[in-house]
PDB file of all heavy atoms in Angstrom:
ATOM      1  N   MET A   1     -34.690  52.066  57.613  1.00  0.00           N
ATOM      2  CA  MET A   1     -34.482  50.794  58.306  1.00  0.00           C
ATOM      3  C   MET A   1     -35.225  49.675  57.569  1.00  0.00           C
ATOM      4  O   MET A   1     -36.383  49.871  57.187  1.00  0.00           O
ATOM      5  CB  MET A   1     -35.017  50.926  59.745  1.00  0.00           C
ATOM      6  CG  MET A   1     -34.531  49.872  60.705  1.00  0.00           C
ATOM      7  SD  MET A   1     -35.265  50.093  62.370  1.00  0.00           S
ATOM      8  CE  MET A   1     -34.218  51.348  63.060  1.00  0.00           C
ATOM      9  N   PRO A   2     -34.586  48.530  57.347  1.00  0.00           N
ATOM     10  CA  PRO A   2     -35.306  47.411  56.719  1.00  0.00           C
ATOM     11  C   PRO A   2     -36.530  47.023  57.549  1.00  0.00           C
ATOM     12  O   PRO A   2     -36.503  47.119  58.780  1.00  0.00           O
ATOM     13  CB  PRO A   2     -34.268  46.273  56.717  1.00  0.00           C
ATOM     14  CG  PRO A   2     -32.939  46.949  56.860  1.00  0.00           C
ATOM     15  CD  PRO A   2     -33.193  48.205  57.648  1.00  0.00           C
ATOM     16  N   LYS A   3     -37.566  46.551  56.845  1.00  0.00           N
ATOM     17  CA  LYS A   3     -38.853  46.321  57.516  1.00  0.00           C
ATOM     18  C   LYS A   3     -38.740  45.316  58.668  1.00  0.00           C
ATOM     19  O   LYS A   3     -39.299  45.522  59.748  1.00  0.00           O
ATOM     20  CB  LYS A   3     -39.883  45.833  56.495  1.00  0.00           C
ATOM     21  CG  LYS A   3     -41.297  45.927  57.019  1.00  0.00           C
ATOM     22  CD  LYS A   3     -42.328  45.663  55.962  1.00  0.00           C
ATOM     23  CE  LYS A   3     -43.723  45.703  56.580  1.00  0.00           C
ATOM     24  NZ  LYS A   3     -44.765  45.302  55.634  1.00  0.00           N
ATOM     25  N   ALA A   4     -37.997  44.241  58.449  1.00  0.00           N
ATOM     26  CA  ALA A   4     -37.876  43.209  59.492  1.00  0.00           C
ATOM     27  C   ALA A   4     -37.192  43.779  60.736  1.00  0.00           C
ATOM     28  O   ALA A   4     -37.600  43.504  61.876  1.00  0.00           O
ATOM     29  CB  ALA A   4     -37.095  42.013  58.965  1.00  0.00           C
ATOM     30  N   GLU A   5     -36.172  44.611  60.514  1.00  0.00           N
ATOM     31  CA  GLU A   5     -35.456  45.227  61.645  1.00  0.00           C
ATOM     32  C   GLU A   5     -36.366  46.223  62.374  1.00  0.00           C
ATOM     33  O   GLU A   5     -36.396  46.275  63.609  1.00  0.00           O
ATOM     34  CB  GLU A   5     -34.206  45.948  61.126  1.00  0.00           C
ATOM     35  CG  GLU A   5     -33.314  46.480  62.229  1.00  0.00           C
ATOM     36  CD  GLU A   5     -32.145  47.305  61.684  1.00  0.00           C
ATOM     37  OE1 GLU A   5     -31.768  47.112  60.513  1.00  0.00           O
ATOM     38  OE2 GLU A   5     -31.625  48.151  62.438  1.00  0.00           O
ATOM     39  N   ALA A   6     -37.126  47.004  61.575  1.00  0.00           N
ATOM     40  CA  ALA A   6     -38.048  47.987  62.169  1.00  0.00           C
ATOM     41  C   ALA A   6     -39.128  47.288  62.995  1.00  0.00           C
ATOM     42  O   ALA A   6     -39.527  47.778  64.056  1.00  0.00           O
ATOM     43  CB  ALA A   6     -38.687  48.841  61.073  1.00  0.00           C
ATOM     44  N   GLN A   7     -39.575  46.145  62.495  1.00  0.00           N
ATOM     45  CA  GLN A   7     -40.600  45.390  63.234  1.00  0.00           C
ATOM     46  C   GLN A   7     -40.053  44.883  64.564  1.00  0.00           C
ATOM     47  O   GLN A   7     -40.696  45.010  65.602  1.00  0.00           O
ATOM     48  CB  GLN A   7     -41.074  44.214  62.371  1.00  0.00           C
ATOM     49  CG  GLN A   7     -42.267  43.482  62.956  1.00  0.00           C
ATOM     50  CD  GLN A   7     -42.861  42.492  61.956  1.00  0.00           C
ATOM     51  OE1 GLN A   7     -42.183  42.035  61.047  1.00  0.00           O
ATOM     52  NE2 GLN A   7     -44.113  42.159  62.129  1.00  0.00           N
ATOM     53  N   ARG A   8     -38.837  44.353  64.517  1.00  0.00           N
ATOM     54  CA  ARG A   8     -38.192  43.842  65.732  1.00  0.00           C
ATOM     55  C   ARG A   8     -37.972  44.988  66.736  1.00  0.00           C
ATOM     56  O   ARG A   8     -38.273  44.867  67.920  1.00  0.00           O
ATOM     57  CB  ARG A   8     -36.863  43.195  65.347  1.00  0.00           C
ATOM     58  CG  ARG A   8     -36.260  42.286  66.395  1.00  0.00           C
ATOM     59  CD  ARG A   8     -35.170  41.385  65.814  1.00  0.00           C
ATOM     60  NE  ARG A   8     -34.165  42.126  65.056  1.00  0.00           N
ATOM     61  CZ  ARG A   8     -33.954  41.976  63.737  1.00  0.00           C
ATOM     62  NH1 ARG A   8     -34.682  41.126  63.028  1.00  0.00           N
ATOM     63  NH2 ARG A   8     -33.013  42.669  63.115  1.00  0.00           N
ATOM     64  N   PHE A   9     -37.460  46.099  66.226  1.00  0.00           N
ATOM     65  CA  PHE A   9     -37.200  47.277  67.065  1.00  0.00           C
ATOM     66  C   PHE A   9     -38.506  47.838  67.636  1.00  0.00           C
ATOM     67  O   PHE A   9     -38.603  48.192  68.811  1.00  0.00           O
ATOM     68  CB  PHE A   9     -36.462  48.327  66.230  1.00  0.00           C
ATOM     69  CG  PHE A   9     -36.024  49.548  66.999  1.00  0.00           C
ATOM     70  CD1 PHE A   9     -35.419  49.444  68.241  1.00  0.00           C
ATOM     71  CD2 PHE A   9     -36.204  50.818  66.449  1.00  0.00           C
ATOM     72  CE1 PHE A   9     -35.000  50.571  68.934  1.00  0.00           C
ATOM     73  CE2 PHE A   9     -35.793  51.959  67.142  1.00  0.00           C
ATOM     74  CZ  PHE A   9     -35.194  51.829  68.382  1.00  0.00           C
ATOM     75  N   GLY A  10     -39.541  47.886  66.768  1.00  0.00           N
ATOM     76  CA  GLY A  10     -40.852  48.389  67.195  1.00  0.00           C
ATOM     77  C   GLY A  10     -41.431  47.562  68.335  1.00  0.00           C
ATOM     78  O   GLY A  10     -41.961  48.108  69.314  1.00  0.00           O
ATOM     79  N   LEU A  11     -41.312  46.245  68.229  1.00  0.00           N
ATOM     80  CA  LEU A  11     -41.825  45.364  69.284  1.00  0.00           C
ATOM     81  C   LEU A  11     -41.034  45.547  70.578  1.00  0.00           C
ATOM     82  O   LEU A  11     -41.605  45.519  71.670  1.00  0.00           O
ATOM     83  CB  LEU A  11     -41.779  43.904  68.822  1.00  0.00           C
ATOM     84  CG  LEU A  11     -42.869  43.505  67.814  1.00  0.00           C
ATOM     85  CD1 LEU A  11     -42.582  42.146  67.199  1.00  0.00           C
ATOM     86  CD2 LEU A  11     -44.252  43.523  68.471  1.00  0.00           C
ATOM     87  N   GLU A  12     -39.719  45.747  70.438  1.00  0.00           N
ATOM     88  CA  GLU A  12     -38.882  46.030  71.621  1.00  0.00           C
ATOM     89  C   GLU A  12     -39.363  47.294  72.335  1.00  0.00           C
ATOM     90  O   GLU A  12     -39.463  47.338  73.562  1.00  0.00           O
ATOM     91  CB  GLU A  12     -37.422  46.270  71.191  1.00  0.00           C
ATOM     92  CG  GLU A  12     -36.551  45.054  71.180  1.00  0.00           C
ATOM     93  CD  GLU A  12     -35.188  45.386  70.561  1.00  0.00           C
ATOM     94  OE1 GLU A  12     -34.687  46.514  70.765  1.00  0.00           O
ATOM     95  OE2 GLU A  12     -34.647  44.521  69.858  1.00  0.00           O
ATOM     96  N   LEU A  13     -39.649  48.325  71.535  1.00  0.00           N
ATOM     97  CA  LEU A  13     -40.083  49.598  72.123  1.00  0.00           C
ATOM     98  C   LEU A  13     -41.464  49.471  72.762  1.00  0.00           C
ATOM     99  O   LEU A  13     -41.707  50.029  73.838  1.00  0.00           O
ATOM    100  CB  LEU A  13     -40.098  50.702  71.051  1.00  0.00           C
ATOM    101  CG  LEU A  13     -38.723  51.146  70.550  1.00  0.00           C
ATOM    102  CD1 LEU A  13     -38.868  52.092  69.367  1.00  0.00           C
ATOM    103  CD2 LEU A  13     -37.925  51.818  71.670  1.00  0.00           C
ATOM    104  N   LEU A  14     -42.365  48.747  72.121  1.00  0.00           N
ATOM    105  CA  LEU A  14     -43.699  48.546  72.706  1.00  0.00           C
ATOM    106  C   LEU A  14     -43.587  47.756  74.011  1.00  0.00           C
ATOM    107  O   LEU A  14     -44.315  48.015  74.967  1.00  0.00           O
ATOM    108  CB  LEU A  14     -44.622  47.836  71.711  1.00  0.00           C
ATOM    109  CG  LEU A  14     -45.052  48.688  70.501  1.00  0.00           C
ATOM    110  CD1 LEU A  14     -45.881  47.857  69.530  1.00  0.00           C
ATOM    111  CD2 LEU A  14     -45.827  49.928  70.941  1.00  0.00           C
ATOM    112  N   ASP A  15     -42.637  46.819  74.038  1.00  0.00           N
ATOM    113  CA  ASP A  15     -42.394  46.073  75.277  1.00  0.00           C
ATOM    114  C   ASP A  15     -41.849  47.021  76.359  1.00  0.00           C
ATOM    115  O   ASP A  15     -42.246  46.945  77.525  1.00  0.00           O
ATOM    116  CB  ASP A  15     -41.401  44.944  75.000  1.00  0.00           C
ATOM    117  CG  ASP A  15     -41.209  44.049  76.218  1.00  0.00           C
ATOM    118  OD1 ASP A  15     -42.219  43.604  76.787  1.00  0.00           O
ATOM    119  OD2 ASP A  15     -40.051  43.814  76.604  1.00  0.00           O
ATOM    120  N   ARG A  16     -40.972  47.923  75.936  1.00  0.00           N
ATOM    121  CA  ARG A  16     -40.359  48.873  76.869  1.00  0.00           C
ATOM    122  C   ARG A  16     -41.411  49.772  77.526  1.00  0.00           C
ATOM    123  O   ARG A  16     -41.272  50.162  78.684  1.00  0.00           O
ATOM    124  CB  ARG A  16     -39.353  49.711  76.091  1.00  0.00           C
ATOM    125  CG  ARG A  16     -38.460  50.605  76.902  1.00  0.00           C
ATOM    126  CD  ARG A  16     -37.377  51.124  75.983  1.00  0.00           C
ATOM    127  NE  ARG A  16     -36.641  52.238  76.546  1.00  0.00           N
ATOM    128  CZ  ARG A  16     -35.787  52.970  75.850  1.00  0.00           C
ATOM    129  NH1 ARG A  16     -35.583  52.709  74.579  1.00  0.00           N
ATOM    130  NH2 ARG A  16     -35.137  53.960  76.417  1.00  0.00           N
ATOM    131  N   VAL A  17     -42.465  50.127  76.775  1.00  0.00           N
ATOM    132  CA  VAL A  17     -43.518  50.980  77.345  1.00  0.00           C
ATOM    133  C   VAL A  17     -44.712  50.158  77.866  1.00  0.00           C
ATOM    134  O   VAL A  17     -45.741  50.716  78.240  1.00  0.00           O
ATOM    135  CB  VAL A  17     -43.997  52.061  76.334  1.00  0.00           C
ATOM    136  CG1 VAL A  17     -42.843  52.968  75.940  1.00  0.00           C
ATOM    137  CG2 VAL A  17     -44.663  51.449  75.103  1.00  0.00           C
ATOM    138  N   GLY A  18     -44.546  48.823  77.834  1.00  0.00           N
ATOM    139  CA  GLY A  18     -45.526  47.960  78.493  1.00  0.00           C
ATOM    140  C   GLY A  18     -46.775  47.626  77.706  1.00  0.00           C
ATOM    141  O   GLY A  18     -47.790  47.237  78.283  1.00  0.00           O
ATOM    142  N   ILE A  19     -46.708  47.746  76.363  1.00  0.00           N
ATOM    143  CA  ILE A  19     -47.910  47.414  75.575  1.00  0.00           C
ATOM    144  C   ILE A  19     -47.583  46.519  74.373  1.00  0.00           C
ATOM    145  O   ILE A  19     -48.232  46.603  73.328  1.00  0.00           O
ATOM    146  CB  ILE A  19     -48.668  48.685  75.089  1.00  0.00           C
ATOM    147  CG1 ILE A  19     -47.724  49.655  74.368  1.00  0.00           C
ATOM    148  CG2 ILE A  19     -49.379  49.377  76.242  1.00  0.00           C
ATOM    149  CD1 ILE A  19     -48.466  50.780  73.641  1.00  0.00           C
ATOM    150  N   ALA A  20     -46.589  45.654  74.516  1.00  0.00           N
ATOM    151  CA  ALA A  20     -46.228  44.747  73.414  1.00  0.00           C
ATOM    152  C   ALA A  20     -47.416  43.868  73.010  1.00  0.00           C
ATOM    153  O   ALA A  20     -47.557  43.502  71.834  1.00  0.00           O
ATOM    154  CB  ALA A  20     -45.040  43.883  73.821  1.00  0.00           C
ATOM    155  N   ASP A  21     -48.291  43.554  73.970  1.00  0.00           N
ATOM    156  CA  ASP A  21     -49.456  42.708  73.667  1.00  0.00           C
ATOM    157  C   ASP A  21     -50.521  43.437  72.850  1.00  0.00           C
ATOM    158  O   ASP A  21     -51.487  42.829  72.391  1.00  0.00           O
ATOM    159  CB  ASP A  21     -50.075  42.184  74.969  1.00  0.00           C
ATOM    160  CG  ASP A  21     -50.529  43.298  75.896  1.00  0.00           C
ATOM    161  OD1 ASP A  21     -49.880  44.367  75.898  1.00  0.00           O
ATOM    162  OD2 ASP A  21     -51.524  43.099  76.627  1.00  0.00           O
ATOM    163  N   LYS A  22     -50.327  44.742  72.651  1.00  0.00           N
ATOM    164  CA  LYS A  22     -51.312  45.527  71.885  1.00  0.00           C
ATOM    165  C   LYS A  22     -50.795  45.872  70.478  1.00  0.00           C
ATOM    166  O   LYS A  22     -51.383  46.688  69.777  1.00  0.00           O
ATOM    167  CB  LYS A  22     -51.621  46.854  72.608  1.00  0.00           C
ATOM    168  CG  LYS A  22     -52.095  46.686  74.046  1.00  0.00           C
ATOM    169  CD  LYS A  22     -53.523  46.155  74.106  1.00  0.00           C
ATOM    170  CE  LYS A  22     -54.102  46.192  75.498  1.00  0.00           C
ATOM    171  NZ  LYS A  22     -53.680  45.100  76.358  1.00  0.00           N
ATOM    172  N   ALA A  23     -49.706  45.235  70.054  1.00  0.00           N
ATOM    173  CA  ALA A  23     -49.043  45.605  68.792  1.00  0.00           C
ATOM    174  C   ALA A  23     -49.985  45.573  67.587  1.00  0.00           C
ATOM    175  O   ALA A  23     -49.892  46.421  66.694  1.00  0.00           O
ATOM    176  CB  ALA A  23     -47.841  44.681  68.542  1.00  0.00           C
ATOM    177  N   ASP A  24     -50.899  44.599  67.553  1.00  0.00           N
ATOM    178  CA  ASP A  24     -51.765  44.442  66.385  1.00  0.00           C
ATOM    179  C   ASP A  24     -53.098  45.183  66.509  1.00  0.00           C
ATOM    180  O   ASP A  24     -53.946  45.107  65.622  1.00  0.00           O
ATOM    181  CB  ASP A  24     -52.045  42.943  66.131  1.00  0.00           C
ATOM    182  CG  ASP A  24     -50.766  42.199  65.794  1.00  0.00           C
ATOM    183  OD1 ASP A  24     -49.857  42.818  65.201  1.00  0.00           O
ATOM    184  OD2 ASP A  24     -50.672  41.001  66.146  1.00  0.00           O
ATOM    185  N   ARG A  25     -53.286  45.882  67.607  1.00  0.00           N
ATOM    186  CA  ARG A  25     -54.529  46.649  67.788  1.00  0.00           C
ATOM    187  C   ARG A  25     -54.441  47.991  67.060  1.00  0.00           C
ATOM    188  O   ARG A  25     -53.359  48.486  66.758  1.00  0.00           O
ATOM    189  CB  ARG A  25     -54.776  46.923  69.274  1.00  0.00           C
ATOM    190  CG  ARG A  25     -54.826  45.690  70.139  1.00  0.00           C
ATOM    191  CD  ARG A  25     -56.222  45.079  70.164  1.00  0.00           C
ATOM    192  NE  ARG A  25     -56.235  43.868  70.980  1.00  0.00           N
ATOM    193  CZ  ARG A  25     -56.494  43.852  72.279  1.00  0.00           C
ATOM    194  NH1 ARG A  25     -56.739  44.992  72.919  1.00  0.00           N
ATOM    195  NH2 ARG A  25     -56.522  42.718  72.943  1.00  0.00           N
ATOM    196  N   PHE A  26     -55.600  48.591  66.841  1.00  0.00           N
ATOM    197  CA  PHE A  26     -55.660  49.942  66.281  1.00  0.00           C
ATOM    198  C   PHE A  26     -55.827  50.943  67.436  1.00  0.00           C
ATOM    199  O   PHE A  26     -56.320  50.584  68.508  1.00  0.00           O
ATOM    200  CB  PHE A  26     -56.826  50.047  65.291  1.00  0.00           C
ATOM    201  CG  PHE A  26     -56.576  49.275  64.031  1.00  0.00           C
ATOM    202  CD1 PHE A  26     -56.954  47.941  63.924  1.00  0.00           C
ATOM    203  CD2 PHE A  26     -55.927  49.872  62.950  1.00  0.00           C
ATOM    204  CE1 PHE A  26     -56.704  47.214  62.766  1.00  0.00           C
ATOM    205  CE2 PHE A  26     -55.670  49.155  61.786  1.00  0.00           C
ATOM    206  CZ  PHE A  26     -56.053  47.823  61.693  1.00  0.00           C
ATOM    207  N   PRO A  27     -55.419  52.208  67.223  1.00  0.00           N
ATOM    208  CA  PRO A  27     -55.486  53.174  68.320  1.00  0.00           C
ATOM    209  C   PRO A  27     -56.829  53.232  69.040  1.00  0.00           C
ATOM    210  O   PRO A  27     -56.864  53.313  70.267  1.00  0.00           O
ATOM    211  CB  PRO A  27     -55.164  54.497  67.610  1.00  0.00           C
ATOM    212  CG  PRO A  27     -54.237  54.095  66.517  1.00  0.00           C
ATOM    213  CD  PRO A  27     -54.755  52.765  66.037  1.00  0.00           C
ATOM    214  N   ALA A  28     -57.926  53.162  68.289  1.00  0.00           N
ATOM    215  CA  ALA A  28     -59.255  53.274  68.913  1.00  0.00           C
ATOM    216  C   ALA A  28     -59.544  52.118  69.873  1.00  0.00           C
ATOM    217  O   ALA A  28     -60.450  52.210  70.706  1.00  0.00           O
ATOM    218  CB  ALA A  28     -60.344  53.334  67.836  1.00  0.00           C
ATOM    219  N   GLN A  29     -58.782  51.031  69.759  1.00  0.00           N
ATOM    220  CA  GLN A  29     -58.991  49.870  70.637  1.00  0.00           C
ATOM    221  C   GLN A  29     -58.182  49.969  71.932  1.00  0.00           C
ATOM    222  O   GLN A  29     -58.260  49.090  72.780  1.00  0.00           O
ATOM    223  CB  GLN A  29     -58.610  48.585  69.884  1.00  0.00           C
ATOM    224  CG  GLN A  29     -59.491  48.314  68.670  1.00  0.00           C
ATOM    225  CD  GLN A  29     -58.979  47.128  67.866  1.00  0.00           C
ATOM    226  OE1 GLN A  29     -57.901  47.163  67.286  1.00  0.00           O
ATOM    227  NE2 GLN A  29     -59.750  46.060  67.853  1.00  0.00           N
ATOM    228  N   LEU A  30     -57.426  51.057  72.077  1.00  0.00           N
ATOM    229  CA  LEU A  30     -56.585  51.239  73.256  1.00  0.00           C
ATOM    230  C   LEU A  30     -57.137  52.341  74.150  1.00  0.00           C
ATOM    231  O   LEU A  30     -57.817  53.253  73.675  1.00  0.00           O
ATOM    232  CB  LEU A  30     -55.154  51.618  72.832  1.00  0.00           C
ATOM    233  CG  LEU A  30     -54.155  50.484  72.613  1.00  0.00           C
ATOM    234  CD1 LEU A  30     -54.630  49.541  71.521  1.00  0.00           C
ATOM    235  CD2 LEU A  30     -52.790  51.063  72.249  1.00  0.00           C
ATOM    236  N   SER A  31     -56.810  52.259  75.434  1.00  0.00           N
ATOM    237  CA  SER A  31     -57.161  53.352  76.356  1.00  0.00           C
ATOM    238  C   SER A  31     -56.278  54.564  76.047  1.00  0.00           C
ATOM    239  O   SER A  31     -55.262  54.454  75.346  1.00  0.00           O
ATOM    240  CB  SER A  31     -56.917  52.915  77.799  1.00  0.00           C
ATOM    241  OG  SER A  31     -55.515  52.816  78.047  1.00  0.00           O
ATOM    242  N   GLY A  32     -56.635  55.701  76.605  1.00  0.00           N
ATOM    243  CA  GLY A  32     -55.831  56.907  76.406  1.00  0.00           C
ATOM    244  C   GLY A  32     -54.406  56.737  76.887  1.00  0.00           C
ATOM    245  O   GLY A  32     -53.449  57.154  76.221  1.00  0.00           O
ATOM    246  N   GLY A  33     -54.240  56.100  78.044  1.00  0.00           N
ATOM    247  CA  GLY A  33     -52.902  55.879  78.588  1.00  0.00           C
ATOM    248  C   GLY A  33     -52.070  54.980  77.685  1.00  0.00           C
ATOM    249  O   GLY A  33     -50.873  55.219  77.479  1.00  0.00           O
ATOM    250  N   GLN A  34     -52.712  53.936  77.133  1.00  0.00           N
ATOM    251  CA  GLN A  34     -52.005  53.041  76.218  1.00  0.00           C
ATOM    252  C   GLN A  34     -51.644  53.762  74.920  1.00  0.00           C
ATOM    253  O   GLN A  34     -50.543  53.579  74.385  1.00  0.00           O
ATOM    254  CB  GLN A  34     -52.863  51.807  75.929  1.00  0.00           C
ATOM    255  CG  GLN A  34     -53.002  50.886  77.126  1.00  0.00           C
ATOM    256  CD  GLN A  34     -54.121  49.868  76.954  1.00  0.00           C
ATOM    257  OE1 GLN A  34     -55.029  50.033  76.138  1.00  0.00           O
ATOM    258  NE2 GLN A  34     -54.054  48.798  77.735  1.00  0.00           N
ATOM    259  N   GLN A  35     -52.552  54.606  74.427  1.00  0.00           N
ATOM    260  CA  GLN A  35     -52.246  55.368  73.209  1.00  0.00           C
ATOM    261  C   GLN A  35     -51.071  56.310  73.433  1.00  0.00           C
ATOM    262  O   GLN A  35     -50.210  56.468  72.558  1.00  0.00           O
ATOM    263  CB  GLN A  35     -53.475  56.170  72.762  1.00  0.00           C
ATOM    264  CG  GLN A  35     -54.581  55.317  72.178  1.00  0.00           C
ATOM    265  CD  GLN A  35     -55.705  56.176  71.611  1.00  0.00           C
ATOM    266  OE1 GLN A  35     -55.490  56.949  70.688  1.00  0.00           O
ATOM    267  NE2 GLN A  35     -56.897  56.055  72.166  1.00  0.00           N
ATOM    268  N   GLN A  36     -51.020  56.944  74.610  1.00  0.00           N
ATOM    269  CA  GLN A  36     -49.908  57.857  74.874  1.00  0.00           C
ATOM    270  C   GLN A  36     -48.598  57.082  75.003  1.00  0.00           C
ATOM    271  O   GLN A  36     -47.548  57.563  74.554  1.00  0.00           O
ATOM    272  CB  GLN A  36     -50.188  58.697  76.125  1.00  0.00           C
ATOM    273  CG  GLN A  36     -49.225  59.863  76.334  1.00  0.00           C
ATOM    274  CD  GLN A  36     -49.212  60.870  75.195  1.00  0.00           C
ATOM    275  OE1 GLN A  36     -48.837  60.554  74.065  1.00  0.00           O
ATOM    276  NE2 GLN A  36     -49.625  62.102  75.492  1.00  0.00           N
ATOM    277  N   ARG A  37     -48.652  55.896  75.566  1.00  0.00           N
ATOM    278  CA  ARG A  37     -47.438  55.076  75.648  1.00  0.00           C
ATOM    279  C   ARG A  37     -46.988  54.647  74.250  1.00  0.00           C
ATOM    280  O   ARG A  37     -45.790  54.588  73.966  1.00  0.00           O
ATOM    281  CB  ARG A  37     -47.664  53.866  76.555  1.00  0.00           C
ATOM    282  CG  ARG A  37     -47.698  54.273  78.030  1.00  0.00           C
ATOM    283  CD  ARG A  37     -47.704  53.067  78.942  1.00  0.00           C
ATOM    284  NE  ARG A  37     -49.037  52.520  79.121  1.00  0.00           N
ATOM    285  CZ  ARG A  37     -49.286  51.270  79.524  1.00  0.00           C
ATOM    286  NH1 ARG A  37     -48.286  50.446  79.768  1.00  0.00           N
ATOM    287  NH2 ARG A  37     -50.515  50.847  79.688  1.00  0.00           N
ATOM    288  N   ALA A  38     -47.969  54.376  73.366  1.00  0.00           N
ATOM    289  CA  ALA A  38     -47.620  54.059  71.969  1.00  0.00           C
ATOM    290  C   ALA A  38     -46.975  55.277  71.296  1.00  0.00           C
ATOM    291  O   ALA A  38     -46.021  55.137  70.519  1.00  0.00           O
ATOM    292  CB  ALA A  38     -48.877  53.640  71.200  1.00  0.00           C
ATOM    293  N   ALA A  39     -47.472  56.470  71.616  1.00  0.00           N
ATOM    294  CA  ALA A  39     -46.900  57.696  71.043  1.00  0.00           C
ATOM    295  C   ALA A  39     -45.456  57.900  71.529  1.00  0.00           C
ATOM    296  O   ALA A  39     -44.595  58.360  70.775  1.00  0.00           O
ATOM    297  CB  ALA A  39     -47.763  58.903  71.408  1.00  0.00           C
ATOM    298  N   ILE A  40     -45.183  57.537  72.782  1.00  0.00           N
ATOM    299  CA  ILE A  40     -43.813  57.621  73.304  1.00  0.00           C
ATOM    300  C   ILE A  40     -42.915  56.621  72.561  1.00  0.00           C
ATOM    301  O   ILE A  40     -41.801  56.960  72.143  1.00  0.00           O
ATOM    302  CB  ILE A  40     -43.783  57.366  74.826  1.00  0.00           C
ATOM    303  CG1 ILE A  40     -44.487  58.515  75.569  1.00  0.00           C
ATOM    304  CG2 ILE A  40     -42.341  57.213  75.324  1.00  0.00           C
ATOM    305  CD1 ILE A  40     -44.681  58.272  77.065  1.00  0.00           C
ATOM    306  N   ALA A  41     -43.423  55.389  72.365  1.00  0.00           N
ATOM    307  CA  ALA A  41     -42.646  54.385  71.619  1.00  0.00           C
ATOM    308  C   ALA A  41     -42.360  54.874  70.202  1.00  0.00           C
ATOM    309  O   ALA A  41     -41.255  54.700  69.682  1.00  0.00           O
ATOM    310  CB  ALA A  41     -43.411  53.056  71.583  1.00  0.00           C
ATOM    311  N   ARG A  42     -43.359  55.502  69.585  1.00  0.00           N
ATOM    312  CA  ARG A  42     -43.170  56.018  68.217  1.00  0.00           C
ATOM    313  C   ARG A  42     -42.077  57.090  68.177  1.00  0.00           C
ATOM    314  O   ARG A  42     -41.245  57.114  67.273  1.00  0.00           O
ATOM    315  CB  ARG A  42     -44.489  56.594  67.694  1.00  0.00           C
ATOM    316  CG  ARG A  42     -44.399  57.123  66.278  1.00  0.00           C
ATOM    317  CD  ARG A  42     -45.687  57.763  65.846  1.00  0.00           C
ATOM    318  NE  ARG A  42     -46.085  58.830  66.763  1.00  0.00           N
ATOM    319  CZ  ARG A  42     -47.218  59.498  66.653  1.00  0.00           C
ATOM    320  NH1 ARG A  42     -48.076  59.199  65.702  1.00  0.00           N
ATOM    321  NH2 ARG A  42     -47.509  60.452  67.510  1.00  0.00           N
ATOM    322  N   ALA A  43     -42.058  57.971  69.173  1.00  0.00           N
ATOM    323  CA  ALA A  43     -41.006  59.003  69.227  1.00  0.00           C
ATOM    324  C   ALA A  43     -39.638  58.360  69.455  1.00  0.00           C
ATOM    325  O   ALA A  43     -38.641  58.771  68.853  1.00  0.00           O
ATOM    326  CB  ALA A  43     -41.324  60.010  70.324  1.00  0.00           C
TER     327      ALA A  43
END
């Protein structure tokens, strides 16, 4: 997938799991629940 499209899609998925505002954070900066939601978005 082209990078711009992947970025747009990635943000859509993070929004879908309720953590779009955490897109620029690193995993250690997130709670366990937020990290698991990021893992769902990644899948």
